[in-house]
Amino acid sequence: MPADDALPLPLYSAAQVRDLDARLIAAGTPGFELMRRAAHAAWRALRRRWPQSGEVTVLAGAGNNGGDGYLIAELAQRAGWGVRVLALGAPEQLAGDAALARDAALAAGVAIEAWGEGAALRGVLVDALLGTGFQGELRPAYAAAALAINASGLPVLAVDIPTGLCADSGRVADQAVRADLTVTFIGLKLGLFTGAAPDWIGELQFDDLQADAQLVAQQPFTALRLAGTAVPLLPPRARTAHKGGFGHVLVIGGDRGFGGAALLAAESALRAGAGLVSLATRGEHLAASLARLPEVMCQATESTYQLVELCRRADLLVVGPGLGQQAWGRSLLSAALASGRAQVWDADALNLLAAGAVELPADSVITPHPGEAARLLGSSSAEVQADRPAAALALARKYQAVVVLKGAGSLVAAPDGRLLLCDRGHPAMAGAGLGDVLAGLIGALRGQGLDAFDAAALGVWLHATAGQRLGVQGRGLAASDLIPTIRQLLQEHCPCL
């Protein structure tokens, strides 16, 4: 699903969207009118995507999501398409707006049949089974319908959210509908953008159903999307600027066999605009550093005594890339902890934190992937991925730090409950070293004056957008490929002059 900065920024929980829906009704827009607008929006999207199909099968549930489906069937019937509704639950037992929608479909001549596992599926399939209220696992009939939809090979439009996808967390049930197109309404649901959701929603379209903008603006939300129109920015530089004004970043890492990680972080910090960059690493890596990055002050560091002076001169520490978990890495991490400097922790620094070997200093940023997040929380990767927003916020509270939970739909969480989501990126980014680049980037942004939360937000957006821009070239994206593109994006969004 390509990111689209034209989408709204707020992301809501299911309960928040239901509350917004109720407020719109209370303000004078009847619920059935909102349902009809949703049906028209979905029908327009269906016709644009599959204009030549001429046939629709609507699978309708027993609630308001099913009501949307009945009205879509009515519109298709009046347009001369072949239409039928396969109903899960007795249509005669529908109530409220959903009953009105069923009656409208019947009045238009729509054929309504009971769903059965042998039912033939034809044309475009409309998933109007369950809406945003889904939690847990599907009941057997709904699971069987989802399985049949996916096995059909036919195009699928999901109304508001695919059945079996949790609107709050992005968790996917054991059986869930895999859509080609999802049309969602009123407010964007957080669960559409994280966890496994991007593989299940297909193309995402949004319609606000002509909701009153002022009323929508008053509605609380759970998170905000990171978009190029709203990311934090570095200020322009004065013409009299000098290197001392943009932070001295010290990267600490690169045990034997892992020198490349520390070099990537240092290069990323350098190219992202840090005034000075130093690297504390094993002596074996000194020659490679000087050959690759002569601008970086590389210090062969074998003891905490050597590191203390380097920390004293630095403004910001990036700790963990290639650090290892042996005595050398543990001793350097302890020295970094004692320095009193603001820090970004990644990789083995997080593994040592999870093992209880150290405590995280104040005013830190941590950048775990799901496996590291699970160790930090004492849970499993599957549990983290099942509710990524909750995991990110739990980490932020536990460690009183800004957290970047990496992965599809990367999240930035603060201890005060602020939550950002980045829906950019590309599958070509699934490779080694990209986290090291991100850690160095966040360090450079902090060194240039951004606070922990804003540096993490801008860093995540730059990193993911660079990956998305380069990912169109296909597989084989190397972590170092991102660095020149990140520099270009910084200039586009935060011009130096």
Protein backbone atom coordinates (compact mmCIF):
# COMPACT_ATOMS: atom_id res chain seq x y z
CA MET A 1 0.00 0.00 0.00
CA PRO A 2 1.70 3.24 -1.06
CA ALA A 3 1.77 6.02 1.50
CA ASP A 4 -0.33 9.02 0.58
CA ASP A 5 0.24 12.37 2.26
CA ALA A 6 -3.25 13.39 1.11
CA LEU A 7 -4.71 11.05 3.73
CA PRO A 8 -5.68 12.61 7.07
CA LEU A 9 -3.08 12.57 9.82
CA PRO A 10 -5.14 11.42 12.85
CA LEU A 11 -5.47 7.68 13.48
CA TYR A 12 -8.31 6.46 15.66
CA SER A 13 -9.27 3.43 17.68
CA ALA A 14 -12.51 1.64 16.83
CA ALA A 15 -14.16 3.15 19.91
CA GLN A 16 -13.10 6.65 18.89
CA VAL A 17 -14.57 6.21 15.41
CA ARG A 18 -17.81 4.90 16.88
CA ASP A 19 -17.94 7.91 19.17
CA LEU A 20 -17.32 10.23 16.23
CA ASP A 21 -20.10 8.50 14.30
CA ALA A 22 -22.46 9.02 17.25
CA ARG A 23 -21.50 12.68 17.50
CA LEU A 24 -22.20 13.21 13.80
CA ILE A 25 -25.63 11.64 14.24
CA ALA A 26 -26.32 13.77 17.32
CA ALA A 27 -25.31 16.87 15.37
CA GLY A 28 -28.02 16.21 12.79
CA THR A 29 -26.80 13.69 10.21
CA PRO A 30 -29.02 10.58 10.41
CA GLY A 31 -27.24 7.28 10.76
CA PHE A 32 -28.91 5.92 7.64
CA GLU A 33 -27.65 8.91 5.67
CA LEU A 34 -24.08 8.16 6.79
CA MET A 35 -24.62 4.52 5.78
CA ARG A 36 -25.85 5.58 2.36
CA ARG A 37 -22.84 7.88 1.88
CA ALA A 38 -20.54 5.00 2.80
CA ALA A 39 -22.22 2.75 0.26
CA HIS A 40 -21.90 5.37 -2.47
CA ALA A 41 -18.20 5.84 -1.65
CA ALA A 42 -17.54 2.10 -1.79
CA TRP A 43 -19.55 1.69 -4.99
CA ARG A 44 -17.65 4.52 -6.71
CA ALA A 45 -14.34 2.91 -5.70
CA LEU A 46 -15.50 -0.50 -6.92
CA ARG A 47 -16.52 0.84 -10.33
CA ARG A 48 -13.25 2.72 -10.76
CA ARG A 49 -11.17 -0.35 -9.88
CA TRP A 50 -13.20 -2.98 -11.78
CA PRO A 51 -15.31 -1.07 -14.33
CA GLN A 52 -15.87 -4.05 -16.63
CA SER A 53 -16.86 -6.63 -14.05
CA GLY A 54 -20.63 -6.21 -14.30
CA GLU A 55 -21.26 -8.59 -11.39
CA VAL A 56 -21.08 -8.30 -7.61
CA THR A 57 -21.47 -10.76 -4.76
CA VAL A 58 -21.99 -9.06 -1.41
CA LEU A 59 -21.29 -11.07 1.72
CA ALA A 60 -23.28 -9.27 4.40
CA GLY A 61 -23.06 -9.64 8.14
CA ALA A 62 -25.70 -8.95 10.76
CA GLY A 63 -24.67 -5.41 11.76
CA ASN A 64 -24.12 -1.99 10.24
CA ASN A 65 -21.23 -3.20 8.12
CA GLY A 66 -23.72 -5.58 6.55
CA GLY A 67 -26.07 -2.61 6.10
CA ASP A 68 -23.38 -0.90 4.01
CA GLY A 69 -23.21 -4.07 1.92
CA TYR A 70 -26.98 -4.14 1.31
CA LEU A 71 -26.87 -0.55 0.05
CA ILE A 72 -23.91 -1.33 -2.21
CA ALA A 73 -25.97 -4.20 -3.62
CA GLU A 74 -28.88 -1.82 -4.22
CA LEU A 75 -26.62 0.61 -6.12
CA ALA A 76 -25.16 -2.19 -8.24
CA GLN A 77 -28.64 -3.53 -9.00
CA ARG A 78 -29.87 -0.11 -10.13
CA ALA A 79 -26.77 0.22 -12.33
CA GLY A 80 -27.74 -2.98 -14.16
CA TRP A 81 -25.05 -5.23 -12.72
CA GLY A 82 -25.66 -8.82 -11.75
CA VAL A 83 -26.07 -8.77 -7.97
CA ARG A 84 -26.80 -11.07 -5.09
CA VAL A 85 -26.31 -10.90 -1.37
CA LEU A 86 -25.10 -13.87 0.66
CA ALA A 87 -26.27 -13.19 4.20
CA LEU A 88 -24.62 -14.48 7.37
CA GLY A 89 -27.29 -14.29 10.02
CA ALA A 90 -30.98 -14.02 9.31
CA PRO A 91 -31.70 -10.85 7.28
CA GLU A 92 -35.15 -10.58 8.87
CA GLN A 93 -33.52 -10.13 12.26
CA LEU A 94 -31.62 -7.00 11.27
CA ALA A 95 -32.52 -3.87 13.20
CA GLY A 96 -32.20 -0.11 12.89
CA ASP A 97 -30.31 1.34 9.93
CA ALA A 98 -29.16 -2.11 8.77
CA ALA A 99 -32.82 -3.18 8.46
CA LEU A 100 -33.57 -0.06 6.41
CA ALA A 101 -30.65 -0.93 4.14
CA ARG A 102 -31.92 -4.51 3.70
CA ASP A 103 -35.37 -3.15 2.77
CA ALA A 104 -33.84 -0.79 0.21
CA ALA A 105 -31.99 -3.68 -1.41
CA LEU A 106 -35.13 -5.82 -1.53
CA ALA A 107 -37.13 -2.95 -3.02
CA ALA A 108 -34.55 -2.65 -5.80
CA GLY A 109 -34.95 -6.36 -6.60
CA VAL A 110 -31.70 -7.64 -5.06
CA ALA A 111 -31.64 -11.40 -4.49
CA ILE A 112 -30.75 -12.26 -0.89
CA GLU A 113 -29.69 -15.80 -0.04
CA ALA A 114 -28.38 -17.43 3.11
CA TRP A 115 -24.65 -18.04 3.12
CA GLY A 116 -23.56 -21.63 2.86
CA GLU A 117 -20.09 -23.06 2.40
CA GLY A 118 -21.02 -24.33 -1.05
CA ALA A 119 -22.36 -20.97 -2.24
CA ALA A 120 -21.00 -19.87 -5.60
CA LEU A 121 -19.00 -16.64 -5.57
CA ARG A 122 -18.99 -14.52 -8.72
CA GLY A 123 -17.75 -11.14 -9.89
CA VAL A 124 -16.32 -8.65 -7.43
CA LEU A 125 -16.71 -9.86 -3.86
CA VAL A 126 -17.76 -7.24 -1.32
CA ASP A 127 -16.70 -8.04 2.23
CA ALA A 128 -19.39 -6.45 4.40
CA LEU A 129 -19.28 -9.12 7.08
CA LEU A 130 -17.80 -7.43 10.15
CA GLY A 131 -16.72 -3.88 10.83
CA THR A 132 -14.43 -2.24 13.34
CA GLY A 133 -15.96 -3.98 16.35
CA PHE A 134 -14.13 -7.24 15.62
CA GLN A 135 -11.88 -8.60 18.39
CA GLY A 136 -10.42 -12.05 19.01
CA GLU A 137 -11.17 -14.78 16.48
CA LEU A 138 -13.96 -15.18 13.93
CA ARG A 139 -16.96 -17.33 14.65
CA PRO A 140 -17.00 -20.51 12.51
CA ALA A 141 -19.42 -19.25 9.85
CA TYR A 142 -17.48 -16.03 9.37
CA ALA A 143 -14.16 -17.88 9.30
CA ALA A 144 -15.55 -20.21 6.62
CA ALA A 145 -16.74 -17.24 4.58
CA ALA A 146 -13.34 -15.56 4.84
CA LEU A 147 -11.64 -18.79 3.75
CA ALA A 148 -13.97 -19.10 0.77
CA ILE A 149 -13.40 -15.49 -0.27
CA ASN A 150 -9.63 -15.89 -0.19
CA ALA A 151 -9.76 -19.23 -2.03
CA SER A 152 -11.97 -17.86 -4.81
CA GLY A 153 -9.26 -15.93 -6.61
CA LEU A 154 -11.81 -13.18 -7.28
CA PRO A 155 -11.24 -9.46 -6.64
CA VAL A 156 -12.25 -8.33 -3.16
CA LEU A 157 -13.42 -4.99 -1.83
CA ALA A 158 -13.52 -4.65 1.96
CA VAL A 159 -16.04 -2.23 3.42
CA ASP A 160 -14.34 -0.10 6.10
CA ILE A 161 -11.93 -2.87 7.18
CA PRO A 162 -11.30 -6.47 6.09
CA THR A 163 -13.13 -9.00 8.20
CA GLY A 164 -10.77 -10.52 10.76
CA LEU A 165 -8.47 -7.49 11.03
CA CYS A 166 -8.43 -5.66 14.36
CA ALA A 167 -9.00 -1.94 13.87
CA ASP A 168 -6.97 -1.04 16.97
CA SER A 169 -3.87 -3.22 16.70
CA GLY A 170 -3.57 -4.53 13.14
CA ARG A 171 -3.70 -8.10 14.47
CA VAL A 172 -5.05 -10.58 11.93
CA ALA A 173 -7.25 -13.49 13.00
CA ASP A 174 -6.40 -17.07 12.04
CA GLN A 175 -8.88 -16.64 9.21
CA ALA A 176 -9.35 -13.17 7.74
CA VAL A 177 -10.35 -11.64 4.42
CA ARG A 178 -7.46 -10.56 2.21
CA ALA A 179 -8.73 -7.54 0.26
CA ASP A 180 -7.52 -5.98 -2.96
CA LEU A 181 -9.16 -2.68 -2.06
CA THR A 182 -10.32 -1.34 1.28
CA VAL A 183 -12.54 1.73 1.49
CA THR A 184 -12.64 3.13 4.99
CA PHE A 185 -14.86 5.87 6.37
CA ILE A 186 -15.09 8.87 8.71
CA GLY A 187 -11.68 8.37 10.37
CA LEU A 188 -8.59 6.32 9.62
CA LYS A 189 -8.25 3.31 11.90
CA LEU A 190 -4.81 2.77 13.46
CA GLY A 191 -4.97 -0.96 12.80
CA LEU A 192 -5.04 -0.43 9.03
CA PHE A 193 -1.41 0.73 9.09
CA THR A 194 0.61 -1.52 11.37
CA GLY A 195 1.18 -5.14 12.28
CA ALA A 196 0.23 -7.49 9.47
CA ALA A 197 -2.43 -5.13 8.11
CA PRO A 198 -0.56 -3.81 5.04
CA ASP A 199 -0.56 -7.33 3.58
CA TRP A 200 -4.33 -7.67 4.02
CA ILE A 201 -5.95 -4.36 3.11
CA GLY A 202 -4.67 -3.98 -0.45
CA GLU A 203 -5.10 -0.46 -1.78
CA LEU A 204 -6.53 1.87 0.85
CA GLN A 205 -9.04 4.60 0.03
CA PHE A 206 -10.62 6.98 2.51
CA ASP A 207 -13.90 8.90 2.48
CA ASP A 208 -14.90 11.24 5.29
CA LEU A 209 -18.61 10.90 4.40
CA GLN A 210 -18.89 14.71 4.32
CA ALA A 211 -18.44 14.84 8.07
CA ASP A 212 -18.33 18.27 9.66
CA ALA A 213 -14.63 19.20 9.78
CA GLN A 214 -14.91 21.15 13.01
CA LEU A 215 -16.63 18.28 14.77
CA VAL A 216 -14.00 15.83 13.50
CA ALA A 217 -11.21 18.14 14.69
CA GLN A 218 -12.60 17.96 18.22
CA GLN A 219 -12.48 14.16 18.34
CA PRO A 220 -9.62 12.61 20.37
CA PHE A 221 -7.33 10.31 18.40
CA THR A 222 -4.84 7.58 19.29
CA ALA A 223 -1.93 8.41 16.99
CA LEU A 224 -0.81 10.64 14.14
CA ARG A 225 0.57 9.62 10.77
CA LEU A 226 4.00 10.91 9.90
CA ALA A 227 3.70 12.76 6.61
CA GLY A 228 6.01 15.09 4.71
CA THR A 229 3.58 17.92 5.31
CA ALA A 230 3.77 17.53 9.09
CA VAL A 231 7.15 16.13 10.17
CA PRO A 232 9.38 18.14 12.53
CA LEU A 233 11.94 20.25 10.70
CA LEU A 234 15.49 21.38 11.29
CA PRO A 235 15.80 25.17 11.07
CA PRO A 236 17.89 26.75 8.29
CA ARG A 237 21.48 27.52 9.15
CA ALA A 238 22.87 31.02 9.53
CA ARG A 239 25.46 32.02 6.98
CA THR A 240 27.95 32.27 9.82
CA ALA A 241 27.31 28.69 10.97
CA HIS A 242 30.24 26.56 12.12
CA LYS A 243 30.72 22.91 13.04
CA GLY A 244 30.50 23.55 16.75
CA GLY A 245 26.87 24.52 16.48
CA PHE A 246 25.48 21.24 15.17
CA GLY A 247 26.40 18.65 17.70
CA HIS A 248 29.28 16.28 18.31
CA VAL A 249 27.96 12.74 17.89
CA LEU A 250 29.96 9.86 19.31
CA VAL A 251 29.15 6.39 17.98
CA ILE A 252 30.16 3.57 20.33
CA GLY A 253 30.26 0.06 18.90
CA GLY A 254 31.91 -2.30 16.48
CA ASP A 255 33.28 -5.26 18.39
CA ARG A 256 35.40 -7.75 16.45
CA GLY A 257 33.49 -8.94 13.41
CA PHE A 258 30.88 -6.17 13.66
CA GLY A 259 32.77 -3.07 12.63
CA GLY A 260 30.50 -2.37 9.69
CA ALA A 261 27.52 -1.58 11.92
CA ALA A 262 29.38 1.17 13.74
CA LEU A 263 30.73 2.59 10.47
CA LEU A 264 27.22 2.76 9.01
CA ALA A 265 25.94 4.64 12.06
CA ALA A 266 28.86 7.07 11.93
CA GLU A 267 28.47 7.71 8.21
CA SER A 268 24.75 8.25 8.64
CA ALA A 269 25.34 10.80 11.41
CA LEU A 270 27.93 12.59 9.30
CA ARG A 271 25.75 12.81 6.18
CA ALA A 272 22.70 13.87 8.18
CA GLY A 273 24.47 17.05 9.23
CA ALA A 274 26.15 16.46 12.59
CA GLY A 275 28.88 19.07 13.07
CA LEU A 276 31.37 16.53 14.37
CA VAL A 277 31.31 12.73 14.44
CA SER A 278 33.58 10.47 16.46
CA LEU A 279 33.73 6.70 16.53
CA ALA A 280 34.87 4.59 19.47
CA THR A 281 35.54 1.08 18.21
CA ARG A 282 38.00 -1.79 18.21
CA GLY A 283 41.50 -0.96 17.00
CA GLU A 284 41.15 -3.52 14.21
CA HIS A 285 38.62 -1.24 12.54
CA LEU A 286 40.69 1.91 12.58
CA ALA A 287 42.18 1.47 9.10
CA ALA A 288 38.79 0.73 7.53
CA SER A 289 37.28 3.77 9.19
CA LEU A 290 40.03 6.09 8.02
CA ALA A 291 39.79 4.73 4.49
CA ARG A 292 36.01 4.94 4.30
CA LEU A 293 35.28 7.95 6.51
CA PRO A 294 38.29 10.25 6.88
CA GLU A 295 35.98 12.96 8.24
CA VAL A 296 35.08 10.83 11.26
CA MET A 297 37.43 10.97 14.25
CA CYS A 298 38.00 7.28 14.87
CA GLN A 299 39.50 6.22 18.18
CA ALA A 300 40.73 2.71 18.92
CA THR A 301 39.03 2.11 22.26
CA GLU A 302 39.93 -0.84 24.41
CA SER A 303 39.02 0.46 27.86
CA THR A 304 36.46 2.55 29.67
CA TYR A 305 39.24 4.97 30.60
CA GLN A 306 39.78 5.82 26.95
CA LEU A 307 36.05 6.24 26.39
CA VAL A 308 35.50 8.64 29.29
CA GLU A 309 37.40 11.45 27.58
CA LEU A 310 35.64 10.84 24.28
CA CYS A 311 32.25 11.04 26.03
CA ARG A 312 33.25 14.26 27.75
CA ARG A 313 33.82 15.95 24.40
CA ALA A 314 30.63 14.64 22.79
CA ASP A 315 27.12 16.08 22.94
CA LEU A 316 25.18 12.96 21.94
CA LEU A 317 26.02 9.26 22.09
CA VAL A 318 24.81 6.56 19.69
CA VAL A 319 25.42 3.29 21.49
CA GLY A 320 24.98 -0.28 20.34
CA PRO A 321 25.66 -0.83 16.62
CA GLY A 322 27.93 -3.88 16.56
CA LEU A 323 28.65 -3.46 20.27
CA GLY A 324 28.36 -7.14 21.14
CA GLN A 325 27.45 -8.50 24.55
CA GLN A 326 30.89 -9.54 25.76
CA ALA A 327 33.07 -7.83 28.34
CA TRP A 328 34.27 -5.12 25.93
CA GLY A 329 30.77 -4.07 24.97
CA ARG A 330 29.48 -4.20 28.53
CA SER A 331 32.30 -2.04 29.85
CA LEU A 332 31.87 0.60 27.13
CA LEU A 333 28.12 0.69 27.71
CA SER A 334 28.71 1.29 31.43
CA ALA A 335 31.03 4.19 30.62
CA ALA A 336 28.48 5.67 28.25
CA LEU A 337 25.83 5.37 30.92
CA ALA A 338 28.02 7.30 33.40
CA SER A 339 28.67 10.14 30.94
CA GLY A 340 25.42 12.01 31.55
CA ARG A 341 25.02 12.65 27.82
CA ALA A 342 21.79 12.27 25.82
CA GLN A 343 21.83 8.91 24.05
CA VAL A 344 20.37 6.76 21.29
CA TRP A 345 20.51 3.02 22.06
CA ASP A 346 20.21 0.30 19.46
CA ALA A 347 21.06 -3.36 18.87
CA ASP A 348 23.24 -4.94 21.56
CA ALA A 349 22.82 -2.00 23.92
CA LEU A 350 19.16 -2.99 24.00
CA ASN A 351 19.97 -6.66 24.51
CA LEU A 352 22.15 -5.77 27.49
CA LEU A 353 19.38 -3.53 28.80
CA ALA A 354 16.89 -6.39 28.48
CA ALA A 355 19.29 -8.70 30.36
CA GLY A 356 19.35 -6.25 33.27
CA ALA A 357 23.05 -5.50 32.87
CA VAL A 358 22.49 -1.70 32.83
CA GLU A 359 19.84 0.94 33.33
CA LEU A 360 18.79 3.32 30.59
CA PRO A 361 19.88 6.94 31.13
CA ALA A 362 17.34 9.75 31.12
CA ASP A 363 16.39 11.54 27.90
CA SER A 364 17.17 8.54 25.70
CA VAL A 365 15.84 7.15 22.43
CA ILE A 366 15.70 3.38 21.97
CA THR A 367 15.16 1.77 18.58
CA PRO A 368 14.16 -1.90 19.00
CA HIS A 369 12.96 -4.26 16.32
CA PRO A 370 10.13 -6.61 17.42
CA GLY A 371 12.51 -9.26 18.77
CA GLU A 372 14.40 -6.73 20.89
CA ALA A 373 11.12 -5.17 22.00
CA ALA A 374 9.92 -8.59 23.14
CA ARG A 375 13.05 -9.14 25.23
CA LEU A 376 12.69 -5.67 26.77
CA LEU A 377 9.07 -6.40 27.69
CA GLY A 378 9.59 -10.00 28.73
CA SER A 379 7.17 -11.23 26.08
CA SER A 380 7.39 -12.79 22.61
CA SER A 381 7.82 -11.28 19.17
CA ALA A 382 4.39 -12.62 18.24
CA GLU A 383 2.83 -10.79 21.17
CA VAL A 384 4.58 -7.56 20.20
CA GLN A 385 3.45 -7.87 16.59
CA ALA A 386 -0.11 -8.67 17.65
CA ASP A 387 -0.44 -5.19 19.19
CA ARG A 388 2.45 -3.00 18.13
CA PRO A 389 0.94 0.29 19.38
CA ALA A 390 0.43 -1.16 22.85
CA ALA A 391 3.96 -2.58 22.88
CA ALA A 392 5.55 0.72 21.84
CA LEU A 393 3.66 2.65 24.51
CA ALA A 394 4.45 0.03 27.15
CA LEU A 395 8.17 0.32 26.36
CA ALA A 396 8.04 4.10 26.53
CA ARG A 397 6.40 3.97 29.94
CA LYS A 398 8.63 1.21 31.30
CA TYR A 399 11.91 2.86 30.31
CA GLN A 400 10.77 6.51 30.36
CA ALA A 401 12.29 6.95 26.91
CA VAL A 402 11.24 7.74 23.38
CA VAL A 403 10.76 4.43 21.58
CA VAL A 404 11.05 3.67 17.89
CA LEU A 405 9.44 0.28 17.31
CA LYS A 406 10.77 -0.67 13.90
CA GLY A 407 9.00 -2.72 11.25
CA ALA A 408 6.12 -2.22 8.83
CA GLY A 409 4.21 0.74 10.22
CA SER A 410 7.10 1.91 12.42
CA LEU A 411 5.92 3.62 15.61
CA VAL A 412 7.38 6.44 17.67
CA ALA A 413 6.09 6.48 21.26
CA ALA A 414 6.73 8.88 24.13
CA PRO A 415 6.29 8.25 27.87
CA ASP A 416 3.49 10.83 27.96
CA GLY A 417 1.40 8.72 25.55
CA ARG A 418 2.10 10.48 22.27
CA LEU A 419 2.21 8.03 19.38
CA LEU A 420 3.26 8.51 15.77
CA LEU A 421 3.06 6.02 12.92
CA CYS A 422 5.07 5.98 9.70
CA ASP A 423 3.32 4.22 6.82
CA ARG A 424 6.19 4.72 4.38
CA GLY A 425 8.87 2.20 3.51
CA HIS A 426 9.38 -0.67 1.09
CA PRO A 427 9.91 -4.47 1.33
CA ALA A 428 13.35 -3.97 -0.23
CA MET A 429 14.38 -2.51 3.14
CA ALA A 430 14.34 -5.99 4.68
CA GLY A 431 18.10 -6.29 5.05
CA ALA A 432 21.02 -5.87 7.42
CA GLY A 433 22.36 -2.54 8.60
CA LEU A 434 19.34 -0.33 8.08
CA GLY A 435 18.81 0.00 11.82
CA ASP A 436 22.39 1.23 12.22
CA VAL A 437 21.72 3.95 9.66
CA LEU A 438 18.57 4.96 11.53
CA ALA A 439 20.37 5.16 14.88
CA GLY A 440 23.08 7.40 13.46
CA LEU A 441 20.49 9.56 11.73
CA ILE A 442 18.50 10.12 14.93
CA GLY A 443 21.72 10.94 16.74
CA ALA A 444 22.61 13.60 14.17
CA LEU A 445 19.16 15.17 14.37
CA ARG A 446 19.37 15.34 18.16
CA GLY A 447 22.81 16.85 17.88
CA GLN A 448 21.37 19.59 15.66
CA GLY A 449 18.89 20.66 18.30
CA LEU A 450 15.77 18.50 18.00
CA ASP A 451 14.42 16.95 21.18
CA ALA A 452 14.23 13.19 21.50
CA PHE A 453 10.67 12.81 20.21
CA ASP A 454 11.04 15.14 17.24
CA ALA A 455 14.42 13.68 16.27
CA ALA A 456 12.97 10.18 16.32
CA ALA A 457 9.94 11.28 14.30
CA LEU A 458 11.93 13.06 11.60
CA GLY A 459 14.54 10.30 11.52
CA VAL A 460 11.98 7.54 11.06
CA TRP A 461 10.21 9.46 8.30
CA LEU A 462 13.44 10.27 6.42
CA HIS A 463 14.69 6.69 6.73
CA ALA A 464 11.43 5.12 5.54
CA THR A 465 10.90 7.64 2.74
CA ALA A 466 14.43 7.08 1.46
CA GLY A 467 13.79 3.34 1.47
CA GLN A 468 10.53 3.81 -0.38
CA ARG A 469 12.19 6.02 -2.99
CA LEU A 470 14.99 3.51 -3.55
CA GLY A 471 12.86 0.40 -3.18
CA VAL A 472 11.30 0.85 -6.60
CA GLN A 473 14.64 -0.33 -8.00
CA GLY A 474 13.95 -3.74 -6.47
CA ARG A 475 15.84 -6.20 -4.32
CA GLY A 476 19.41 -5.75 -3.20
CA LEU A 477 19.01 -2.44 -1.37
CA ALA A 478 22.07 -1.98 0.84
CA ALA A 479 21.90 0.03 4.04
CA SER A 480 24.55 2.45 2.80
CA ASP A 481 22.40 3.17 -0.28
CA LEU A 482 19.98 5.05 1.96
CA ILE A 483 22.48 7.61 3.23
CA PRO A 484 22.79 9.84 0.10
CA THR A 485 19.02 9.74 -0.38
CA ILE A 486 18.42 10.72 3.24
CA ARG A 487 20.74 13.68 2.70
CA GLN A 488 18.77 14.68 -0.39
CA LEU A 489 15.45 14.40 1.48
CA LEU A 490 16.82 16.52 4.30
CA GLN A 491 17.65 19.24 1.83
CA GLU A 492 14.22 19.01 0.22
CA HIS A 493 12.38 19.31 3.54
CA CYS A 494 14.85 21.22 5.71
CA PRO A 495 16.92 23.42 3.34
CA CYS A 496 20.28 24.41 4.73
CA LEU A 497 19.68 28.04 3.68
